[in-house]
Amino acid sequence: MSSSQLSTTEVIALANEELAESSNGYRNSRRLQIVTFVISIGSIFASNRYAYIGALGALVTQAWSWRMRLQAGRQQALGDEGRMRGLLIDALGSTTEHIDLANLVQQVTPRARGRMAQSLDPDYFASKSPNGIRRLRDHLQENAFWGKCLYDAAAAKYTKFLIIFGIFAAIAAFIAIPFAPRGQSLTFARVLVTALTFGAALTQFNEISAWRSAKNKIEMVDRRLEALAGLSEKELQSRRIEALFAVFGDYCVATAMSPPIPKEVYLRERNRLNTLWRDRQKR
């Protein structure tokens, strides 16, 4: 696949599929953390050497989870870069950075390249403005609107998950105190699995915090872009172009600081947000 053959919609589709790969990696990582928790609970009630076998199993699954998160983070970085390049190309015209775009295309996963065709959407951007700074402003504000809503939805969903996880962990701990087998030789194994369970919960808490922080930052981006909505192409180029590119930088930082939106959250919210965006554009 040559980058010179890719249209704007193809670059966007490729980036979105790479972000979907990243989202799947984060989702599988969360599932492994649940496995870590289940193994940890089992090892607390085990006796003798079986407690250490459980502790070792929990350590392996948690290490695997962390490895998947690192890979998902690299995929997210590629997806975000592709999405930003696609946005700029669509708004401002063809790119002269063909080598960088070619490198990006070659680095994405084969699965993302294979699924690119099914994600093509000629109407991905709602803006009807011609190529230029105003079209860039329109794209940024549309993405900011979607971002702040989806980050809020993702944080709300996984906050509920974390609360449920915490309740089960607390119940397991209270049961374990009177009923777990005694023995100083088992102390290290139980401390280890407790630490791993706490680490899994802390990882999820950090994700939720990142989504909420990104939502707040992008909401501010949306407000700053709204202040530029009434300006013409000429006015944006002559008087406010620095402000627009400053907002663009803030938007890139906000989207890079949190995990990608889980696919199930996007699919659940897509129709509602499309309707809300169309209603907003009519005002």
Protein backbone atom coordinates (compact mmCIF):
# COMPACT_ATOMS: atom_id res chain seq x y z
CA MET A 1 0.00 0.00 0.00
CA SER A 2 1.54 3.32 -1.08
CA SER A 3 0.77 6.47 0.85
CA SER A 4 0.67 8.45 -2.40
CA GLN A 5 -2.40 6.45 -3.37
CA LEU A 6 -4.34 7.24 -0.21
CA SER A 7 -7.13 9.78 -0.21
CA THR A 8 -8.05 11.83 2.85
CA THR A 9 -10.88 9.45 3.75
CA GLU A 10 -8.49 6.50 3.45
CA VAL A 11 -5.95 8.13 5.78
CA ILE A 12 -8.71 8.80 8.31
CA ALA A 13 -10.08 5.24 7.95
CA LEU A 14 -6.61 3.74 8.42
CA ALA A 15 -6.02 5.87 11.52
CA ASN A 16 -9.40 4.95 12.99
CA GLU A 17 -8.73 1.24 12.46
CA GLU A 18 -5.36 1.57 14.19
CA LEU A 19 -7.10 3.33 17.07
CA ALA A 20 -9.62 0.47 17.12
CA GLU A 21 -6.70 -1.97 17.40
CA SER A 22 -5.37 0.08 20.30
CA SER A 23 -8.78 0.11 21.96
CA ASN A 24 -8.98 -3.68 21.64
CA GLY A 25 -5.57 -3.95 23.29
CA TYR A 26 -6.67 -1.84 26.23
CA ARG A 27 -9.91 -3.84 26.52
CA ASN A 28 -8.04 -7.18 26.56
CA SER A 29 -5.66 -5.71 29.12
CA ARG A 30 -8.62 -4.89 31.37
CA ARG A 31 -9.91 -8.44 30.99
CA LEU A 32 -6.56 -9.82 32.04
CA GLN A 33 -6.70 -7.62 35.12
CA ILE A 34 -10.00 -9.31 36.01
CA VAL A 35 -8.27 -12.67 35.56
CA THR A 36 -5.51 -11.42 37.87
CA PHE A 37 -8.15 -10.55 40.47
CA VAL A 38 -9.86 -13.96 40.22
CA ILE A 39 -6.54 -15.83 40.54
CA SER A 40 -5.59 -13.60 43.45
CA ILE A 41 -8.78 -14.43 45.33
CA GLY A 42 -8.22 -18.12 44.74
CA SER A 43 -4.65 -17.98 45.98
CA ILE A 44 -5.69 -16.26 49.21
CA PHE A 45 -7.69 -19.34 50.23
CA ALA A 46 -5.13 -21.85 48.97
CA SER A 47 -2.69 -23.49 51.33
CA ASN A 48 0.95 -24.48 51.17
CA ARG A 49 2.61 -24.35 47.76
CA TYR A 50 -0.66 -23.81 45.87
CA ALA A 51 -0.81 -20.25 47.18
CA TYR A 52 2.51 -19.54 45.49
CA ILE A 53 1.33 -21.13 42.27
CA GLY A 54 -1.66 -18.78 42.33
CA ALA A 55 0.59 -15.82 43.11
CA LEU A 56 2.82 -16.72 40.17
CA GLY A 57 -0.22 -17.04 37.89
CA ALA A 58 -1.47 -13.62 38.99
CA LEU A 59 1.96 -12.12 38.37
CA VAL A 60 2.11 -13.61 34.86
CA THR A 61 -1.36 -12.38 33.87
CA GLN A 62 -0.69 -8.90 35.23
CA ALA A 63 2.66 -8.72 33.40
CA TRP A 64 0.90 -9.80 30.22
CA SER A 65 -1.71 -7.10 30.80
CA TRP A 66 0.99 -4.44 31.15
CA ARG A 67 2.70 -5.65 27.98
CA MET A 68 -0.57 -5.38 26.06
CA ARG A 69 -1.06 -1.85 27.35
CA LEU A 70 2.38 -0.80 26.14
CA GLN A 71 1.63 -2.18 22.67
CA ALA A 72 -1.79 -0.51 22.67
CA GLY A 73 -0.14 2.79 23.61
CA ARG A 74 2.17 2.58 20.58
CA GLN A 75 -0.79 1.80 18.33
CA GLN A 76 -2.69 4.76 19.78
CA ALA A 77 0.21 7.09 19.00
CA LEU A 78 0.17 5.94 15.35
CA GLY A 79 -3.60 6.26 15.14
CA ASP A 80 -3.61 9.75 16.63
CA GLU A 81 -0.85 10.86 14.24
CA GLY A 82 -2.77 9.48 11.26
CA ARG A 83 -6.01 11.12 12.37
CA MET A 84 -4.31 14.49 12.76
CA ARG A 85 -2.60 14.18 9.36
CA GLY A 86 -5.89 13.22 7.73
CA LEU A 87 -7.65 16.15 9.35
CA LEU A 88 -4.99 18.60 8.15
CA ILE A 89 -4.92 17.18 4.61
CA ASP A 90 -8.69 17.37 4.31
CA ALA A 91 -8.77 20.92 5.64
CA LEU A 92 -5.72 22.45 3.97
CA GLY A 93 -5.14 20.28 0.88
CA SER A 94 -2.58 17.66 -0.14
CA THR A 95 0.51 17.09 1.99
CA THR A 96 4.14 17.57 0.93
CA GLU A 97 5.36 15.25 3.71
CA HIS A 98 5.06 12.07 1.64
CA ILE A 99 7.90 10.24 3.42
CA ASP A 100 6.38 10.76 6.87
CA LEU A 101 2.98 9.63 5.63
CA ALA A 102 4.53 6.56 3.98
CA ASN A 103 6.31 5.67 7.23
CA LEU A 104 3.04 5.98 9.11
CA VAL A 105 1.24 3.69 6.68
CA GLN A 106 3.98 1.06 6.93
CA GLN A 107 3.95 1.08 10.74
CA VAL A 108 0.25 0.42 11.25
CA THR A 109 -0.78 -3.18 11.88
CA PRO A 110 -1.71 -5.44 8.94
CA ARG A 111 -5.14 -5.93 10.52
CA ALA A 112 -5.78 -2.18 10.42
CA ARG A 113 -4.72 -2.00 6.76
CA GLY A 114 -6.91 -4.99 5.95
CA ARG A 115 -10.01 -3.44 7.57
CA MET A 116 -9.46 0.06 6.22
CA ALA A 117 -11.95 -0.36 3.36
CA GLN A 118 -14.86 -1.10 5.69
CA SER A 119 -14.24 2.14 7.62
CA LEU A 120 -14.25 4.49 4.63
CA ASP A 121 -16.73 7.31 5.18
CA PRO A 122 -16.87 10.11 2.58
CA ASP A 123 -19.03 12.13 4.99
CA TYR A 124 -16.72 11.72 7.99
CA PHE A 125 -16.46 15.51 8.35
CA ALA A 126 -19.62 17.60 8.39
CA SER A 127 -18.00 20.89 7.29
CA LYS A 128 -19.04 22.33 3.90
CA SER A 129 -16.37 25.03 3.93
CA PRO A 130 -13.77 25.01 1.11
CA ASN A 131 -10.17 24.05 1.82
CA GLY A 132 -8.58 26.55 4.17
CA ILE A 133 -8.26 27.72 7.75
CA ARG A 134 -11.99 27.96 8.30
CA ARG A 135 -12.45 24.32 7.29
CA LEU A 136 -9.71 23.39 9.75
CA ARG A 137 -11.55 25.26 12.50
CA ASP A 138 -14.76 23.40 11.61
CA HIS A 139 -13.02 20.02 11.75
CA LEU A 140 -11.41 20.77 15.09
CA GLN A 141 -14.66 21.87 16.65
CA GLU A 142 -16.55 18.82 15.38
CA ASN A 143 -13.84 16.54 16.78
CA ALA A 144 -13.79 18.48 20.04
CA PHE A 145 -17.55 18.08 20.44
CA TRP A 146 -17.35 14.33 19.86
CA GLY A 147 -14.30 14.01 22.06
CA LYS A 148 -15.69 15.71 25.14
CA CYS A 149 -18.93 13.68 24.94
CA LEU A 150 -17.20 10.32 24.36
CA TYR A 151 -14.57 10.87 27.04
CA ASP A 152 -17.33 11.70 29.51
CA ALA A 153 -19.28 8.56 28.51
CA ALA A 154 -16.19 6.33 28.79
CA ALA A 155 -15.29 7.74 32.20
CA ALA A 156 -18.85 7.23 33.48
CA LYS A 157 -18.98 3.62 32.26
CA TYR A 158 -15.65 2.58 33.73
CA THR A 159 -16.27 4.42 36.99
CA LYS A 160 -19.19 2.04 37.52
CA PHE A 161 -16.92 -0.87 36.65
CA LEU A 162 -14.27 0.31 39.13
CA ILE A 163 -16.87 0.69 41.90
CA ILE A 164 -18.10 -2.88 41.31
CA PHE A 165 -14.51 -4.11 41.23
CA GLY A 166 -13.80 -2.32 44.51
CA ILE A 167 -16.88 -3.78 46.19
CA PHE A 168 -15.94 -7.33 45.21
CA ALA A 169 -12.35 -6.75 46.35
CA ALA A 170 -13.55 -5.45 49.73
CA ILE A 171 -15.92 -8.38 50.20
CA ALA A 172 -13.17 -10.83 49.29
CA ALA A 173 -10.80 -9.18 51.75
CA PHE A 174 -13.28 -9.33 54.64
CA ILE A 175 -14.01 -12.99 53.91
CA ALA A 176 -10.34 -13.83 53.57
CA ILE A 177 -9.38 -12.47 57.00
CA PRO A 178 -11.24 -15.09 59.10
CA PHE A 179 -11.32 -18.00 56.65
CA ALA A 180 -7.95 -17.97 54.87
CA PRO A 181 -5.46 -20.64 56.00
CA ARG A 182 -2.90 -19.48 58.54
CA GLY A 183 0.82 -19.71 58.10
CA GLN A 184 3.74 -17.35 57.99
CA SER A 185 5.09 -19.09 54.89
CA LEU A 186 2.07 -17.89 52.92
CA THR A 187 2.43 -14.23 53.87
CA PHE A 188 4.59 -13.24 50.92
CA ALA A 189 2.23 -14.86 48.40
CA ARG A 190 -0.79 -13.06 49.83
CA VAL A 191 1.00 -9.71 49.98
CA LEU A 192 1.99 -10.17 46.33
CA VAL A 193 -1.52 -10.94 45.07
CA THR A 194 -2.94 -8.08 47.15
CA ALA A 195 -0.45 -5.69 45.56
CA LEU A 196 -1.30 -6.97 42.08
CA THR A 197 -5.02 -6.49 42.71
CA PHE A 198 -4.38 -2.97 43.97
CA GLY A 199 -2.25 -2.29 40.88
CA ALA A 200 -5.06 -3.41 38.57
CA ALA A 201 -7.51 -1.09 40.35
CA LEU A 202 -5.03 1.80 40.26
CA THR A 203 -4.52 1.33 36.50
CA GLN A 204 -8.26 1.60 35.91
CA PHE A 205 -8.47 4.64 38.17
CA ASN A 206 -5.72 6.33 36.14
CA GLU A 207 -7.62 5.65 32.91
CA ILE A 208 -10.77 7.23 34.31
CA SER A 209 -8.80 10.25 35.53
CA ALA A 210 -7.19 10.63 32.09
CA TRP A 211 -10.58 10.55 30.35
CA ARG A 212 -12.03 13.14 32.70
CA SER A 213 -9.00 15.40 32.32
CA ALA A 214 -9.13 15.08 28.52
CA LYS A 215 -12.85 15.87 28.58
CA ASN A 216 -12.23 19.07 30.55
CA LYS A 217 -9.39 20.17 28.28
CA ILE A 218 -11.31 19.48 25.08
CA GLU A 219 -14.37 21.26 26.44
CA MET A 220 -12.16 24.33 26.80
CA VAL A 221 -10.91 23.79 23.22
CA ASP A 222 -14.51 23.70 22.03
CA ARG A 223 -15.25 27.03 23.73
CA ARG A 224 -12.17 28.68 22.26
CA LEU A 225 -13.10 27.46 18.79
CA GLU A 226 -16.64 28.74 19.22
CA ALA A 227 -15.20 32.23 19.69
CA LEU A 228 -13.71 31.92 16.18
CA ALA A 229 -16.88 30.60 14.56
CA GLY A 230 -18.11 33.89 13.14
CA LEU A 231 -14.85 34.85 11.43
CA SER A 232 -14.32 34.59 7.69
CA GLU A 233 -11.41 32.81 6.00
CA LYS A 234 -9.64 36.13 5.48
CA GLU A 235 -10.11 37.22 9.09
CA LEU A 236 -8.84 33.90 10.41
CA GLN A 237 -5.73 34.05 8.24
CA SER A 238 -4.91 37.66 8.95
CA ARG A 239 -5.80 38.13 12.61
CA ARG A 240 -6.47 34.83 14.42
CA ILE A 241 -4.36 32.16 12.79
CA GLU A 242 -1.99 32.02 15.79
CA ALA A 243 -4.94 31.46 18.12
CA LEU A 244 -6.28 28.69 15.90
CA PHE A 245 -3.00 26.79 15.75
CA ALA A 246 -2.57 27.20 19.52
CA VAL A 247 -5.96 25.54 19.95
CA PHE A 248 -4.91 22.82 17.51
CA GLY A 249 -1.85 22.10 19.67
CA ASP A 250 -3.95 21.92 22.82
CA TYR A 251 -6.36 19.55 21.09
CA CYS A 252 -3.49 17.21 20.08
CA VAL A 253 -2.18 17.18 23.65
CA ALA A 254 -5.62 16.45 25.12
CA THR A 255 -6.29 13.49 22.81
CA ALA A 256 -2.82 12.00 23.37
CA MET A 257 -3.04 12.02 27.16
CA SER A 258 -5.81 9.42 27.52
CA PRO A 259 -6.57 5.93 26.18
CA PRO A 260 -8.69 5.72 23.02
CA ILE A 261 -12.45 5.59 23.37
CA PRO A 262 -13.64 1.98 23.76
CA LYS A 263 -15.42 0.86 20.61
CA GLU A 264 -18.57 -0.19 22.45
CA VAL A 265 -18.89 3.32 23.92
CA TYR A 266 -18.50 4.91 20.48
CA LEU A 267 -21.10 2.60 18.90
CA ARG A 268 -23.56 3.22 21.73
CA GLU A 269 -23.22 7.01 21.53
CA ARG A 270 -22.75 7.49 17.76
CA ASN A 271 -26.35 8.07 16.67
CA ARG A 272 -27.13 10.32 19.61
CA LEU A 273 -24.05 12.48 19.02
CA ASN A 274 -24.72 12.73 15.29
CA THR A 275 -28.16 14.09 16.10
CA LEU A 276 -26.81 16.50 18.72
CA TRP A 277 -24.15 17.81 16.32
CA ARG A 278 -26.68 18.40 13.53
CA ASP A 279 -28.94 20.24 15.99
CA ARG A 280 -26.03 22.37 17.15
CA GLN A 281 -25.12 23.31 13.59
CA LYS A 282 -28.65 24.59 12.96
CA ARG A 283 -28.40 27.24 15.69
